[in-house]
């Protein structure tokens, strides 16, 4: 469990770079559809080299071929319906705000437990509502600066992403069993979600043309830090505890670390506006909820 927690928190640090880089691309005029699709398109050759070098590529293709439909559906849910809405939401708030609202995925992850024929971890759910209160507080403060439409365009896509990520991840853990490593599972999901990303990139090209060289470089950075390092670490952490719904809920709750990491990085690199008193209290509640979730039995 200690190893899983360490991996989860470390993953949250690398995941936080996603929010910063997406905001940077947005501020420089980059299209959100290019930001989302380039991440996974650029991940593909990098991950393929790793898996091919380990001599496991044929095994991965065999697993995909065995469950083609499931791989395509749940990879598109876990990666496509997760990252595209999250990137879209970066247009409507500070990075720390998007990262804070994203933590609703912890509650959705717990609520999904019965779907996988496990008992709902009630204590984790109760204490996760502390996180939810924190999210409402930072959104309340943000709503005083934005109109209802902008707030909705932030919360709604984040909610879709927050359901899709744990659902896709858990479904793929069931399909893969113990046959594939975390790296191989990430590559397989990248391959199977590729039709979604190609379609997204075609829409982006029709809308704004080709991406700038800077956006490609920033997307490549996201692909390395978040798409490969963070995702593999997080998948490895959830794989360690996949048979224990309570521990799995705790590991998914480590993503709350993204909030504090994102806030610090945004202040350093983007000179971002600090949250007010209500926002700070909300952030503290989110982090407190994560800590409580990690120690309750």
C-alpha atoms as a PDB file:
ATOM      1  CA  UNK A   1       0.000   0.000   0.000  1.00  0.00           C
ATOM      2  CA  UNK A   2       2.890   2.374   0.795  1.00  0.00           C
ATOM      3  CA  UNK A   3       4.331   1.741  -2.649  1.00  0.00           C
ATOM      4  CA  UNK A   4       0.945   2.338  -4.283  1.00  0.00           C
ATOM      5  CA  UNK A   5       0.487   5.612  -2.342  1.00  0.00           C
ATOM      6  CA  UNK A   6       3.962   6.827  -3.307  1.00  0.00           C
ATOM      7  CA  UNK A   7       3.293   6.035  -6.958  1.00  0.00           C
ATOM      8  CA  UNK A   8      -0.111   7.748  -6.808  1.00  0.00           C
ATOM      9  CA  UNK A   9       1.215  10.985  -5.280  1.00  0.00           C
ATOM     10  CA  UNK A  10       4.179  11.066  -7.677  1.00  0.00           C
ATOM     11  CA  UNK A  11       1.764  10.577 -10.570  1.00  0.00           C
ATOM     12  CA  UNK A  12      -0.300  13.537  -9.329  1.00  0.00           C
ATOM     13  CA  UNK A  13       2.802  15.750  -9.545  1.00  0.00           C
ATOM     14  CA  UNK A  14       3.372  14.846 -13.182  1.00  0.00           C
ATOM     15  CA  UNK A  15      -0.356  15.045 -13.948  1.00  0.00           C
ATOM     16  CA  UNK A  16      -0.371  18.627 -12.635  1.00  0.00           C
ATOM     17  CA  UNK A  17       1.905  19.636 -15.510  1.00  0.00           C
ATOM     18  CA  UNK A  18      -0.991  18.836 -17.852  1.00  0.00           C
ATOM     19  CA  UNK A  19      -3.123  21.645 -16.406  1.00  0.00           C
ATOM     20  CA  UNK A  20      -0.244  24.143 -16.623  1.00  0.00           C
ATOM     21  CA  UNK A  21       0.742  23.264 -20.185  1.00  0.00           C
ATOM     22  CA  UNK A  22      -2.877  23.169 -21.406  1.00  0.00           C
ATOM     23  CA  UNK A  23      -3.428  26.638 -19.962  1.00  0.00           C
ATOM     24  CA  UNK A  24      -0.197  27.867 -21.539  1.00  0.00           C
ATOM     25  CA  UNK A  25      -1.281  26.556 -24.946  1.00  0.00           C
ATOM     26  CA  UNK A  26      -4.690  28.171 -24.495  1.00  0.00           C
ATOM     27  CA  UNK A  27      -3.144  31.548 -23.575  1.00  0.00           C
ATOM     28  CA  UNK A  28      -0.890  31.403 -26.646  1.00  0.00           C
ATOM     29  CA  UNK A  29      -3.869  30.773 -28.934  1.00  0.00           C
ATOM     30  CA  UNK A  30      -3.505  27.018 -29.347  1.00  0.00           C
ATOM     31  CA  UNK A  31      -6.641  25.098 -30.295  1.00  0.00           C
ATOM     32  CA  UNK A  32      -7.901  22.749 -27.551  1.00  0.00           C
ATOM     33  CA  UNK A  33      -8.615  19.952 -30.052  1.00  0.00           C
ATOM     34  CA  UNK A  34      -4.973  19.974 -31.188  1.00  0.00           C
ATOM     35  CA  UNK A  35      -3.845  20.066 -27.547  1.00  0.00           C
ATOM     36  CA  UNK A  36      -5.805  16.921 -26.726  1.00  0.00           C
ATOM     37  CA  UNK A  37      -5.181  14.888 -29.896  1.00  0.00           C
ATOM     38  CA  UNK A  38      -1.452  15.683 -30.207  1.00  0.00           C
ATOM     39  CA  UNK A  39      -0.784  14.316 -26.739  1.00  0.00           C
ATOM     40  CA  UNK A  40      -1.914  10.802 -27.681  1.00  0.00           C
ATOM     41  CA  UNK A  41      -0.641  10.871 -31.260  1.00  0.00           C
ATOM     42  CA  UNK A  42       2.832  11.776 -29.947  1.00  0.00           C
ATOM     43  CA  UNK A  43       2.622   9.178 -27.175  1.00  0.00           C
ATOM     44  CA  UNK A  44       2.156   6.353 -29.684  1.00  0.00           C
ATOM     45  CA  UNK A  45       5.700   6.076 -31.140  1.00  0.00           C
ATOM     46  CA  UNK A  46       7.349   6.651 -27.750  1.00  0.00           C
ATOM     47  CA  UNK A  47       5.395   3.916 -25.984  1.00  0.00           C
ATOM     48  CA  UNK A  48       5.731   1.584 -28.972  1.00  0.00           C
ATOM     49  CA  UNK A  49       9.527   1.791 -28.784  1.00  0.00           C
ATOM     50  CA  UNK A  50       9.466   0.872 -25.089  1.00  0.00           C
ATOM     51  CA  UNK A  51       7.169  -2.121 -25.553  1.00  0.00           C
ATOM     52  CA  UNK A  52       8.922  -3.351 -28.715  1.00  0.00           C
ATOM     53  CA  UNK A  53      12.283  -3.125 -26.949  1.00  0.00           C
ATOM     54  CA  UNK A  54      10.896  -5.337 -24.168  1.00  0.00           C
ATOM     55  CA  UNK A  55       9.689  -7.856 -26.742  1.00  0.00           C
ATOM     56  CA  UNK A  56       6.059  -7.602 -25.609  1.00  0.00           C
ATOM     57  CA  UNK A  57       4.396  -5.945 -28.597  1.00  0.00           C
ATOM     58  CA  UNK A  58       3.032  -9.194 -30.073  1.00  0.00           C
ATOM     59  CA  UNK A  59       1.525 -10.116 -26.698  1.00  0.00           C
ATOM     60  CA  UNK A  60      -0.229  -6.743 -26.579  1.00  0.00           C
ATOM     61  CA  UNK A  61      -1.624  -7.146 -30.099  1.00  0.00           C
ATOM     62  CA  UNK A  62      -2.832 -10.630 -29.182  1.00  0.00           C
ATOM     63  CA  UNK A  63      -4.713  -9.218 -26.171  1.00  0.00           C
ATOM     64  CA  UNK A  64      -6.271  -6.462 -28.288  1.00  0.00           C
ATOM     65  CA  UNK A  65      -7.268  -8.939 -30.997  1.00  0.00           C
ATOM     66  CA  UNK A  66      -8.903 -11.178 -28.395  1.00  0.00           C
ATOM     67  CA  UNK A  67     -11.188  -8.408 -27.092  1.00  0.00           C
ATOM     68  CA  UNK A  68     -11.290  -5.906 -29.997  1.00  0.00           C
ATOM     69  CA  UNK A  69     -14.634  -4.285 -29.204  1.00  0.00           C
ATOM     70  CA  UNK A  70     -13.949  -3.921 -25.478  1.00  0.00           C
ATOM     71  CA  UNK A  71     -10.518  -2.425 -26.110  1.00  0.00           C
ATOM     72  CA  UNK A  72     -11.924   0.108 -28.583  1.00  0.00           C
ATOM     73  CA  UNK A  73     -14.864   1.135 -26.400  1.00  0.00           C
ATOM     74  CA  UNK A  74     -13.114   1.431 -23.041  1.00  0.00           C
ATOM     75  CA  UNK A  75      -9.938   2.959 -24.443  1.00  0.00           C
ATOM     76  CA  UNK A  76     -12.038   5.669 -26.092  1.00  0.00           C
ATOM     77  CA  UNK A  77     -13.912   6.211 -22.815  1.00  0.00           C
ATOM     78  CA  UNK A  78     -10.815   6.105 -20.584  1.00  0.00           C
ATOM     79  CA  UNK A  79      -8.632   8.300 -22.776  1.00  0.00           C
ATOM     80  CA  UNK A  80     -10.860  10.088 -25.324  1.00  0.00           C
ATOM     81  CA  UNK A  81     -13.834  11.072 -23.167  1.00  0.00           C
ATOM     82  CA  UNK A  82     -11.437  11.871 -20.346  1.00  0.00           C
ATOM     83  CA  UNK A  83      -8.846  14.113 -21.955  1.00  0.00           C
ATOM     84  CA  UNK A  84     -10.772  15.963 -24.661  1.00  0.00           C
ATOM     85  CA  UNK A  85     -13.342  17.442 -22.193  1.00  0.00           C
ATOM     86  CA  UNK A  86     -10.582  18.233 -19.685  1.00  0.00           C
ATOM     87  CA  UNK A  87      -8.619  20.140 -22.333  1.00  0.00           C
ATOM     88  CA  UNK A  88     -11.764  21.988 -23.414  1.00  0.00           C
ATOM     89  CA  UNK A  89     -12.367  23.061 -19.799  1.00  0.00           C
ATOM     90  CA  UNK A  90      -8.942  24.734 -19.676  1.00  0.00           C
ATOM     91  CA  UNK A  91     -10.469  27.532 -21.782  1.00  0.00           C
ATOM     92  CA  UNK A  92     -12.689  28.607 -18.882  1.00  0.00           C
ATOM     93  CA  UNK A  93     -10.604  28.879 -15.736  1.00  0.00           C
ATOM     94  CA  UNK A  94      -7.237  29.001 -14.031  1.00  0.00           C
ATOM     95  CA  UNK A  95      -5.221  25.784 -14.023  1.00  0.00           C
ATOM     96  CA  UNK A  96      -5.657  25.303 -10.267  1.00  0.00           C
ATOM     97  CA  UNK A  97      -9.424  25.756 -10.686  1.00  0.00           C
ATOM     98  CA  UNK A  98      -9.669  23.036 -13.343  1.00  0.00           C
ATOM     99  CA  UNK A  99      -7.403  20.779 -11.259  1.00  0.00           C
ATOM    100  CA  UNK A 100      -9.583  21.374  -8.192  1.00  0.00           C
ATOM    101  CA  UNK A 101     -12.847  20.591  -9.973  1.00  0.00           C
ATOM    102  CA  UNK A 102     -11.246  17.531 -11.543  1.00  0.00           C
ATOM    103  CA  UNK A 103     -11.058  15.977  -8.056  1.00  0.00           C
ATOM    104  CA  UNK A 104     -14.739  15.089  -8.345  1.00  0.00           C
ATOM    105  CA  UNK A 105     -13.366  12.017 -10.132  1.00  0.00           C
ATOM    106  CA  UNK A 106     -12.540  10.619  -6.680  1.00  0.00           C
ATOM    107  CA  UNK A 107     -16.222  10.504  -5.758  1.00  0.00           C
ATOM    108  CA  UNK A 108     -17.255   9.147  -9.143  1.00  0.00           C
ATOM    109  CA  UNK A 109     -14.597   6.464  -8.789  1.00  0.00           C
ATOM    110  CA  UNK A 110     -16.083   5.345  -5.464  1.00  0.00           C
ATOM    111  CA  UNK A 111     -19.655   5.407  -6.824  1.00  0.00           C
ATOM    112  CA  UNK A 112     -18.562   3.113  -9.673  1.00  0.00           C
ATOM    113  CA  UNK A 113     -17.508   0.387  -7.217  1.00  0.00           C
ATOM    114  CA  UNK A 114     -20.858  -1.537  -7.208  1.00  0.00           C
ATOM    115  CA  UNK A 115     -20.715  -1.790 -11.011  1.00  0.00           C
ATOM    116  CA  UNK A 116     -17.669  -4.001 -10.568  1.00  0.00           C
ATOM    117  CA  UNK A 117     -19.472  -6.251  -8.050  1.00  0.00           C
ATOM    118  CA  UNK A 118     -17.711  -4.869  -4.996  1.00  0.00           C
ATOM    119  CA  UNK A 119     -19.179  -3.420  -1.831  1.00  0.00           C
ATOM    120  CA  UNK A 120     -19.459   0.362  -1.796  1.00  0.00           C
ATOM    121  CA  UNK A 121     -16.798   1.773   0.608  1.00  0.00           C
ATOM    122  CA  UNK A 122     -19.187   3.987   2.606  1.00  0.00           C
ATOM    123  CA  UNK A 123     -16.542   5.591   4.847  1.00  0.00           C
ATOM    124  CA  UNK A 124     -14.448   6.625   1.853  1.00  0.00           C
ATOM    125  CA  UNK A 125     -17.563   8.027   0.190  1.00  0.00           C
ATOM    126  CA  UNK A 126     -18.546  10.063   3.263  1.00  0.00           C
ATOM    127  CA  UNK A 127     -15.102  11.592   3.683  1.00  0.00           C
ATOM    128  CA  UNK A 128     -14.848  12.190  -0.056  1.00  0.00           C
ATOM    129  CA  UNK A 129     -17.738  14.629   0.294  1.00  0.00           C
ATOM    130  CA  UNK A 130     -15.280  16.868   2.143  1.00  0.00           C
ATOM    131  CA  UNK A 131     -13.475  17.040  -1.194  1.00  0.00           C
ATOM    132  CA  UNK A 132     -16.754  17.798  -2.947  1.00  0.00           C
ATOM    133  CA  UNK A 133     -17.472  20.692  -0.551  1.00  0.00           C
ATOM    134  CA  UNK A 134     -14.008  22.066  -1.322  1.00  0.00           C
ATOM    135  CA  UNK A 135     -14.736  21.860  -5.047  1.00  0.00           C
ATOM    136  CA  UNK A 136     -18.007  23.748  -4.620  1.00  0.00           C
ATOM    137  CA  UNK A 137     -16.213  26.438  -2.629  1.00  0.00           C
ATOM    138  CA  UNK A 138     -13.589  27.147  -5.270  1.00  0.00           C
ATOM    139  CA  UNK A 139     -16.258  27.090  -7.981  1.00  0.00           C
ATOM    140  CA  UNK A 140     -18.432  29.474  -5.950  1.00  0.00           C
ATOM    141  CA  UNK A 141     -15.560  31.934  -5.739  1.00  0.00           C
ATOM    142  CA  UNK A 142     -14.898  31.511  -9.448  1.00  0.00           C
ATOM    143  CA  UNK A 143     -18.577  32.027 -10.311  1.00  0.00           C
ATOM    144  CA  UNK A 144     -18.360  35.620  -9.050  1.00  0.00           C
ATOM    145  CA  UNK A 145     -15.872  36.335 -11.854  1.00  0.00           C
ATOM    146  CA  UNK A 146     -17.568  34.379 -14.650  1.00  0.00           C
ATOM    147  CA  UNK A 147     -21.101  34.187 -15.975  1.00  0.00           C
ATOM    148  CA  UNK A 148     -23.231  31.052 -15.654  1.00  0.00           C
ATOM    149  CA  UNK A 149     -22.437  29.919 -19.192  1.00  0.00           C
ATOM    150  CA  UNK A 150     -18.691  29.978 -18.575  1.00  0.00           C
ATOM    151  CA  UNK A 151     -19.038  28.124 -15.257  1.00  0.00           C
ATOM    152  CA  UNK A 152     -21.227  25.479 -16.929  1.00  0.00           C
ATOM    153  CA  UNK A 153     -18.728  25.082 -19.788  1.00  0.00           C
ATOM    154  CA  UNK A 154     -16.100  24.387 -17.154  1.00  0.00           C
ATOM    155  CA  UNK A 155     -17.999  22.050 -14.811  1.00  0.00           C
ATOM    156  CA  UNK A 156     -19.905  19.950 -17.368  1.00  0.00           C
ATOM    157  CA  UNK A 157     -16.913  18.732 -19.427  1.00  0.00           C
ATOM    158  CA  UNK A 158     -14.886  18.122 -16.258  1.00  0.00           C
ATOM    159  CA  UNK A 159     -17.737  15.949 -14.934  1.00  0.00           C
ATOM    160  CA  UNK A 160     -17.681  13.867 -18.131  1.00  0.00           C
ATOM    161  CA  UNK A 161     -13.911  13.472 -17.827  1.00  0.00           C
ATOM    162  CA  UNK A 162     -14.162  12.634 -14.117  1.00  0.00           C
ATOM    163  CA  UNK A 163     -16.516   9.700 -14.808  1.00  0.00           C
ATOM    164  CA  UNK A 164     -14.763   8.460 -17.928  1.00  0.00           C
ATOM    165  CA  UNK A 165     -11.236   8.167 -16.528  1.00  0.00           C
ATOM    166  CA  UNK A 166     -11.886   5.778 -13.598  1.00  0.00           C
ATOM    167  CA  UNK A 167     -14.520   3.866 -15.595  1.00  0.00           C
ATOM    168  CA  UNK A 168     -12.191   3.275 -18.537  1.00  0.00           C
ATOM    169  CA  UNK A 169      -9.255   2.425 -16.268  1.00  0.00           C
ATOM    170  CA  UNK A 170     -11.200  -0.109 -14.190  1.00  0.00           C
ATOM    171  CA  UNK A 171     -12.790  -1.747 -17.220  1.00  0.00           C
ATOM    172  CA  UNK A 172      -9.396  -2.139 -18.857  1.00  0.00           C
ATOM    173  CA  UNK A 173      -7.942  -3.676 -15.680  1.00  0.00           C
ATOM    174  CA  UNK A 174     -10.666  -6.315 -15.915  1.00  0.00           C
ATOM    175  CA  UNK A 175     -10.022  -6.987 -19.602  1.00  0.00           C
ATOM    176  CA  UNK A 176      -6.222  -7.123 -19.306  1.00  0.00           C
ATOM    177  CA  UNK A 177      -6.145  -9.174 -16.094  1.00  0.00           C
ATOM    178  CA  UNK A 178      -2.467  -9.672 -15.130  1.00  0.00           C
ATOM    179  CA  UNK A 179      -1.268 -10.425 -18.643  1.00  0.00           C
ATOM    180  CA  UNK A 180      -0.068  -6.916 -19.463  1.00  0.00           C
ATOM    181  CA  UNK A 181       2.106  -4.402 -17.630  1.00  0.00           C
ATOM    182  CA  UNK A 182       0.930  -0.838 -16.992  1.00  0.00           C
ATOM    183  CA  UNK A 183       3.092   0.444 -19.857  1.00  0.00           C
ATOM    184  CA  UNK A 184       1.608  -2.106 -22.246  1.00  0.00           C
ATOM    185  CA  UNK A 185      -1.921  -1.269 -21.126  1.00  0.00           C
ATOM    186  CA  UNK A 186      -1.319   2.454 -21.719  1.00  0.00           C
ATOM    187  CA  UNK A 187       0.060   1.710 -25.205  1.00  0.00           C
ATOM    188  CA  UNK A 188      -2.888  -0.559 -26.016  1.00  0.00           C
ATOM    189  CA  UNK A 189      -5.371   2.095 -24.926  1.00  0.00           C
ATOM    190  CA  UNK A 190      -3.489   4.713 -26.936  1.00  0.00           C
ATOM    191  CA  UNK A 191      -3.648   2.537 -30.057  1.00  0.00           C
ATOM    192  CA  UNK A 192      -7.339   1.747 -29.600  1.00  0.00           C
ATOM    193  CA  UNK A 193      -8.321   5.364 -28.901  1.00  0.00           C
ATOM    194  CA  UNK A 194      -6.436   6.530 -32.019  1.00  0.00           C
ATOM    195  CA  UNK A 195      -9.577   6.684 -34.245  1.00  0.00           C
ATOM    196  CA  UNK A 196     -11.036   9.196 -31.774  1.00  0.00           C
ATOM    197  CA  UNK A 197      -7.860  11.325 -31.842  1.00  0.00           C
ATOM    198  CA  UNK A 198      -7.566  11.233 -35.628  1.00  0.00           C
ATOM    199  CA  UNK A 199     -11.157  12.438 -35.904  1.00  0.00           C
ATOM    200  CA  UNK A 200     -10.432  15.152 -33.332  1.00  0.00           C
ATOM    201  CA  UNK A 201      -7.345  16.309 -35.242  1.00  0.00           C
ATOM    202  CA  UNK A 202      -9.362  16.495 -38.488  1.00  0.00           C
ATOM    203  CA  UNK A 203     -11.877  18.785 -36.778  1.00  0.00           C
ATOM    204  CA  UNK A 204      -8.985  20.862 -35.446  1.00  0.00           C
ATOM    205  CA  UNK A 205      -7.408  21.147 -38.903  1.00  0.00           C
ATOM    206  CA  UNK A 206     -10.723  22.221 -40.415  1.00  0.00           C
ATOM    207  CA  UNK A 207     -11.152  24.816 -37.650  1.00  0.00           C
ATOM    208  CA  UNK A 208      -7.683  26.408 -37.404  1.00  0.00           C
ATOM    209  CA  UNK A 209      -5.341  24.588 -39.764  1.00  0.00           C
ATOM    210  CA  UNK A 210      -2.108  22.989 -38.567  1.00  0.00           C
ATOM    211  CA  UNK A 211      -0.851  23.566 -35.003  1.00  0.00           C
ATOM    212  CA  UNK A 212       2.102  25.870 -34.357  1.00  0.00           C
ATOM    213  CA  UNK A 213       5.545  24.408 -33.679  1.00  0.00           C
ATOM    214  CA  UNK A 214       5.290  25.687 -30.091  1.00  0.00           C
ATOM    215  CA  UNK A 215       2.004  23.858 -29.541  1.00  0.00           C
ATOM    216  CA  UNK A 216       3.539  20.655 -30.920  1.00  0.00           C
ATOM    217  CA  UNK A 217       6.484  21.036 -28.522  1.00  0.00           C
ATOM    218  CA  UNK A 218       4.212  21.719 -25.549  1.00  0.00           C
ATOM    219  CA  UNK A 219       1.976  18.779 -26.487  1.00  0.00           C
ATOM    220  CA  UNK A 220       5.083  16.593 -26.707  1.00  0.00           C
ATOM    221  CA  UNK A 221       5.958  17.690 -23.156  1.00  0.00           C
ATOM    222  CA  UNK A 222       2.443  16.737 -21.996  1.00  0.00           C
ATOM    223  CA  UNK A 223       2.822  13.384 -23.763  1.00  0.00           C
ATOM    224  CA  UNK A 224       6.065  12.675 -21.861  1.00  0.00           C
ATOM    225  CA  UNK A 225       5.219  13.977 -18.392  1.00  0.00           C
ATOM    226  CA  UNK A 226       1.515  13.234 -18.153  1.00  0.00           C
ATOM    227  CA  UNK A 227       0.687  10.773 -20.912  1.00  0.00           C
ATOM    228  CA  UNK A 228       3.583   8.417 -20.257  1.00  0.00           C
ATOM    229  CA  UNK A 229       5.206   9.012 -16.854  1.00  0.00           C
ATOM    230  CA  UNK A 230       2.121  10.012 -14.821  1.00  0.00           C
ATOM    231  CA  UNK A 231      -0.303   7.596 -16.482  1.00  0.00           C
ATOM    232  CA  UNK A 232       2.025   4.598 -16.127  1.00  0.00           C
ATOM    233  CA  UNK A 233       2.722   5.436 -12.473  1.00  0.00           C
ATOM    234  CA  UNK A 234      -0.996   5.854 -11.721  1.00  0.00           C
ATOM    235  CA  UNK A 235      -2.003   2.700 -13.584  1.00  0.00           C
ATOM    236  CA  UNK A 236       0.728   0.787 -11.754  1.00  0.00           C
ATOM    237  CA  UNK A 237      -0.548   2.111  -8.410  1.00  0.00           C
ATOM    238  CA  UNK A 238      -4.167   1.144  -9.142  1.00  0.00           C
ATOM    239  CA  UNK A 239      -3.078  -2.271 -10.414  1.00  0.00           C
ATOM    240  CA  UNK A 240      -1.349  -3.008  -7.094  1.00  0.00           C
ATOM    241  CA  UNK A 241      -4.625  -2.526  -5.142  1.00  0.00           C
ATOM    242  CA  UNK A 242      -7.185  -3.411  -7.830  1.00  0.00           C
ATOM    243  CA  UNK A 243      -8.684  -6.276  -5.781  1.00  0.00           C
ATOM    244  CA  UNK A 244      -9.427  -4.090  -2.741  1.00  0.00           C
ATOM    245  CA  UNK A 245     -12.117  -1.443  -3.447  1.00  0.00           C
ATOM    246  CA  UNK A 246     -11.245   0.559  -0.297  1.00  0.00           C
ATOM    247  CA  UNK A 247      -7.555   0.767  -1.155  1.00  0.00           C
ATOM    248  CA  UNK A 248      -8.401   1.501  -4.780  1.00  0.00           C
ATOM    249  CA  UNK A 249     -10.540   4.452  -3.620  1.00  0.00           C
ATOM    250  CA  UNK A 250      -7.589   5.722  -1.576  1.00  0.00           C
ATOM    251  CA  UNK A 251      -5.181   5.516  -4.505  1.00  0.00           C
ATOM    252  CA  UNK A 252      -7.634   7.311  -6.783  1.00  0.00           C
ATOM    253  CA  UNK A 253      -7.883   9.988  -4.077  1.00  0.00           C
ATOM    254  CA  UNK A 254      -4.129  10.707  -4.369  1.00  0.00           C
ATOM    255  CA  UNK A 255      -5.029  12.704  -7.473  1.00  0.00           C
ATOM    256  CA  UNK A 256      -6.020  15.496  -5.095  1.00  0.00           C
ATOM    257  CA  UNK A 257      -2.317  16.235  -4.881  1.00  0.00           C
ATOM    258  CA  UNK A 258      -2.665  17.722  -8.355  1.00  0.00           C
ATOM    259  CA  UNK A 259      -4.450  20.729  -6.856  1.00  0.00           C
ATOM    260  CA  UNK A 260      -1.593  21.904  -4.650  1.00  0.00           C
ATOM    261  CA  UNK A 261       1.073  21.037  -7.230  1.00  0.00           C
ATOM    262  CA  UNK A 262      -0.831  22.894  -9.953  1.00  0.00           C
ATOM    263  CA  UNK A 263      -1.358  25.954  -7.758  1.00  0.00           C
ATOM    264  CA  UNK A 264       2.355  26.159  -6.913  1.00  0.00           C
ATOM    265  CA  UNK A 265       3.462  25.651 -10.524  1.00  0.00           C
ATOM    266  CA  UNK A 266       0.938  28.164 -11.862  1.00  0.00           C
ATOM    267  CA  UNK A 267       2.128  30.832  -9.412  1.00  0.00           C
ATOM    268  CA  UNK A 268       5.760  30.177 -10.375  1.00  0.00           C
ATOM    269  CA  UNK A 269       5.432  29.906 -14.157  1.00  0.00           C
ATOM    270  CA  UNK A 270       2.259  31.800 -15.093  1.00  0.00           C
ATOM    271  CA  UNK A 271       2.059  34.462 -12.373  1.00  0.00           C
ATOM    272  CA  UNK A 272      -1.509  33.320 -11.899  1.00  0.00           C
ATOM    273  CA  UNK A 273      -4.150  35.011  -9.794  1.00  0.00           C
ATOM    274  CA  UNK A 274      -4.193  33.467  -6.332  1.00  0.00           C
ATOM    275  CA  UNK A 275      -7.466  32.072  -4.999  1.00  0.00           C
ATOM    276  CA  UNK A 276      -9.252  34.216  -2.407  1.00  0.00           C
ATOM    277  CA  UNK A 277     -10.082  33.176   1.147  1.00  0.00           C
ATOM    278  CA  UNK A 278     -13.025  30.981   0.097  1.00  0.00           C
ATOM    279  CA  UNK A 279     -10.917  29.386  -2.625  1.00  0.00           C
ATOM    280  CA  UNK A 280      -8.059  28.680  -0.223  1.00  0.00           C
ATOM    281  CA  UNK A 281     -10.446  27.071   2.275  1.00  0.00           C
ATOM    282  CA  UNK A 282     -11.824  24.959  -0.568  1.00  0.00           C
ATOM    283  CA  UNK A 283      -8.320  23.850  -1.557  1.00  0.00           C
ATOM    284  CA  UNK A 284      -7.517  22.962   2.061  1.00  0.00           C
ATOM    285  CA  UNK A 285     -10.714  20.882   2.307  1.00  0.00           C
ATOM    286  CA  UNK A 286      -9.804  19.014  -0.891  1.00  0.00           C
ATOM    287  CA  UNK A 287      -6.346  18.147   0.459  1.00  0.00           C
ATOM    288  CA  UNK A 288      -7.755  17.314   3.912  1.00  0.00           C
ATOM    289  CA  UNK A 289     -10.283  14.987   2.313  1.00  0.00           C
ATOM    290  CA  UNK A 290      -7.494  13.199   0.476  1.00  0.00           C
ATOM    291  CA  UNK A 291      -5.469  12.738   3.682  1.00  0.00           C
ATOM    292  CA  UNK A 292      -8.480  11.435   5.637  1.00  0.00           C
ATOM    293  CA  UNK A 293      -9.275   9.029   2.808  1.00  0.00           C
ATOM    294  CA  UNK A 294      -5.742   7.674   2.942  1.00  0.00           C
ATOM    295  CA  UNK A 295      -5.801   6.824   6.677  1.00  0.00           C
ATOM    296  CA  UNK A 296      -9.327   5.521   7.310  1.00  0.00           C
ATOM    297  CA  UNK A 297      -9.778   1.748   7.441  1.00  0.00           C
END
